């Protein structure tokens, strides 16, 4: 049986944050989320909402230069990775990033391609596409494709709270 692929749209930064928040509220220990999308697509804002849903208390910032930021103040340990600057699997090994997949921490990875061979078999792949409205002053919006790889029973429950974002 093929897994359901979820399609959603967000029309404001608040909705992007809300989507992240609901997924964070329901994410179980050991969850792994992969975020793919162009620069400016909303990955960091989504990550901030996700951390909020995990009840992380400290400010969540982009780990662009640190590669991985760890947060321990929430209901689960949370690690936010940005692998944009890494060029090879060897660099991933050198930094010990595979150790974050310990079954306890929740991991959210931006630009995950370089780490793909080392990722957990069960994960949620999220693709974000930024769109611009045709009419003047129409603004911009995002389409989201959420593809669960393996069993992700928590996802359906989380997305029940995002029905207003469904396309």
Protein backbone atom coordinates (compact mmCIF):
# COMPACT_ATOMS: atom_id res chain seq x y z
CA UNK A 1 0.00 0.00 0.00
CA UNK A 2 1.41 3.35 -1.03
CA UNK A 3 1.67 6.11 1.59
CA UNK A 4 -0.55 9.14 1.31
CA UNK A 5 1.18 12.30 0.09
CA UNK A 6 -0.29 15.40 1.72
CA UNK A 7 -0.65 18.65 -0.25
CA UNK A 8 -1.10 21.92 1.65
CA UNK A 9 -0.87 25.65 0.98
CA UNK A 10 0.07 28.51 3.27
CA UNK A 11 -0.78 32.08 2.37
CA UNK A 12 1.03 33.97 5.12
CA UNK A 13 4.01 33.66 7.45
CA UNK A 14 1.53 33.00 10.28
CA UNK A 15 0.13 29.96 8.42
CA UNK A 16 3.65 28.64 7.73
CA UNK A 17 4.44 28.97 11.45
CA UNK A 18 1.11 27.29 12.32
CA UNK A 19 1.85 24.31 10.09
CA UNK A 20 5.22 23.84 11.78
CA UNK A 21 3.61 24.24 15.20
CA UNK A 22 1.04 21.49 14.67
CA UNK A 23 3.64 19.07 13.37
CA UNK A 24 5.85 19.86 16.37
CA UNK A 25 2.99 19.25 18.82
CA UNK A 26 2.46 15.72 17.51
CA UNK A 27 6.00 14.66 16.55
CA UNK A 28 7.10 11.62 18.55
CA UNK A 29 10.62 10.89 19.84
CA UNK A 30 13.01 9.98 17.03
CA UNK A 31 11.10 11.85 14.33
CA UNK A 32 13.11 13.00 11.36
CA UNK A 33 11.84 15.74 9.05
CA UNK A 34 13.59 16.80 5.86
CA UNK A 35 12.90 20.27 4.45
CA UNK A 36 13.63 21.02 0.82
CA UNK A 37 12.94 24.30 -0.91
CA UNK A 38 14.65 27.29 -2.44
CA UNK A 39 16.21 30.06 -0.38
CA UNK A 40 13.44 32.16 1.12
CA UNK A 41 10.83 29.42 0.86
CA UNK A 42 10.09 29.50 4.59
CA UNK A 43 12.19 26.66 6.00
CA UNK A 44 13.45 28.60 9.03
CA UNK A 45 10.01 30.03 9.86
CA UNK A 46 8.56 26.52 9.64
CA UNK A 47 11.38 25.27 11.93
CA UNK A 48 10.57 28.02 14.45
CA UNK A 49 6.90 26.99 14.45
CA UNK A 50 7.91 23.35 14.79
CA UNK A 51 10.10 24.19 17.79
CA UNK A 52 7.25 26.16 19.31
CA UNK A 53 5.04 23.09 18.96
CA UNK A 54 7.75 21.08 20.75
CA UNK A 55 7.61 23.70 23.54
CA UNK A 56 11.22 24.81 22.98
CA UNK A 57 11.74 27.87 25.18
CA UNK A 58 14.86 29.45 23.71
CA UNK A 59 14.90 31.44 20.43
CA UNK A 60 15.33 29.22 17.37
CA UNK A 61 17.73 30.59 14.80
CA UNK A 62 18.97 29.29 11.48
CA UNK A 63 21.98 26.99 11.90
CA UNK A 64 23.43 28.09 8.56
CA UNK A 65 26.92 28.67 9.97
CA UNK A 66 26.86 26.27 12.93
CA UNK A 67 25.30 23.44 10.84
CA UNK A 68 23.38 22.09 13.87
CA UNK A 69 21.62 23.82 16.76
CA UNK A 70 20.44 21.73 19.70
CA UNK A 71 17.56 22.62 21.99
CA UNK A 72 16.85 20.73 25.21
CA UNK A 73 14.14 22.91 26.80
CA UNK A 74 11.14 21.38 25.01
CA UNK A 75 9.09 18.26 25.59
CA UNK A 76 11.65 16.37 23.47
CA UNK A 77 15.28 17.11 22.57
CA UNK A 78 15.30 18.96 19.24
CA UNK A 79 18.10 19.38 16.71
CA UNK A 80 17.78 21.75 13.77
CA UNK A 81 20.35 21.18 11.00
CA UNK A 82 21.15 23.24 7.93
CA UNK A 83 23.39 21.22 5.62
CA UNK A 84 23.55 23.83 2.85
CA UNK A 85 27.30 24.42 3.29
CA UNK A 86 28.31 20.75 3.46
CA UNK A 87 29.63 19.25 0.25
CA UNK A 88 30.10 15.57 1.03
CA UNK A 89 29.02 12.65 3.16
CA UNK A 90 32.54 12.72 4.63
CA UNK A 91 31.88 16.19 6.09
CA UNK A 92 28.71 14.82 7.71
CA UNK A 93 30.74 12.00 9.32
CA UNK A 94 33.45 14.44 10.45
CA UNK A 95 30.86 16.51 12.29
CA UNK A 96 29.20 13.44 13.84
CA UNK A 97 25.75 14.47 12.63
CA UNK A 98 24.50 10.89 12.35
CA UNK A 99 24.64 10.67 16.15
CA UNK A 100 21.54 12.87 16.42
CA UNK A 101 19.41 10.02 15.13
CA UNK A 102 19.35 8.26 18.49
CA UNK A 103 15.64 7.52 18.61
CA UNK A 104 15.02 10.20 21.25
CA UNK A 105 15.77 13.56 19.63
CA UNK A 106 13.56 15.06 16.97
CA UNK A 107 15.65 16.10 13.97
CA UNK A 108 14.69 18.69 11.37
CA UNK A 109 17.11 19.02 8.44
CA UNK A 110 17.25 21.77 5.86
CA UNK A 111 19.07 20.93 2.62
CA UNK A 112 19.29 17.21 3.54
CA UNK A 113 20.59 15.87 0.22
CA UNK A 114 24.23 15.45 1.31
CA UNK A 115 23.12 13.29 4.24
CA UNK A 116 20.55 11.17 2.41
CA UNK A 117 22.50 7.84 2.67
CA UNK A 118 22.71 8.21 6.46
CA UNK A 119 19.09 9.13 7.17
CA UNK A 120 16.69 7.00 9.17
CA UNK A 121 14.49 4.68 7.11
CA UNK A 122 11.40 6.34 8.58
CA UNK A 123 11.13 10.06 8.00
CA UNK A 124 8.89 12.82 6.72
CA UNK A 125 10.07 14.53 3.54
CA UNK A 126 8.70 18.05 3.09
CA UNK A 127 9.05 20.00 -0.13
CA UNK A 128 8.21 23.73 -0.13
CA UNK A 129 7.58 25.73 -3.29
CA UNK A 130 7.23 29.51 -3.23
CA UNK A 131 4.65 30.98 -5.65
CA UNK A 132 3.69 34.49 -6.65
CA UNK A 133 0.10 35.54 -7.30
CA UNK A 134 -0.64 36.75 -10.82
CA UNK A 135 -2.74 39.76 -9.97
CA UNK A 136 -1.15 43.03 -8.76
CA UNK A 137 -0.56 43.12 -5.01
CA UNK A 138 -1.45 39.43 -4.92
CA UNK A 139 1.54 38.58 -2.78
CA UNK A 140 3.12 35.20 -2.46
CA UNK A 141 2.15 31.81 -1.10
CA UNK A 142 3.70 28.41 -0.52
CA UNK A 143 2.68 24.93 -1.57
CA UNK A 144 3.80 22.07 0.64
CA UNK A 145 4.17 18.41 -0.21
CA UNK A 146 4.54 16.12 2.79
CA UNK A 147 5.69 12.61 1.92
CA UNK A 148 5.89 10.13 4.79
CA UNK A 149 8.55 7.45 4.31
CA UNK A 150 7.73 4.47 6.50
CA UNK A 151 5.14 4.52 9.26
CA UNK A 152 4.23 8.02 10.42
CA UNK A 153 0.96 7.48 12.35
CA UNK A 154 1.27 10.83 14.15
CA UNK A 155 1.13 12.80 10.91
CA UNK A 156 -2.56 12.22 10.18
CA UNK A 157 -3.54 13.43 13.64
CA UNK A 158 -1.34 16.54 13.35
CA UNK A 159 -2.73 17.44 9.94
CA UNK A 160 -6.33 17.24 11.18
CA UNK A 161 -5.59 20.58 12.81
CA UNK A 162 -4.40 22.02 9.48
CA UNK A 163 -7.49 21.34 7.40
CA UNK A 164 -7.77 25.04 6.57
CA UNK A 165 -4.39 24.70 4.81
CA UNK A 166 -5.36 21.77 2.56
CA UNK A 167 -5.42 22.31 -1.16
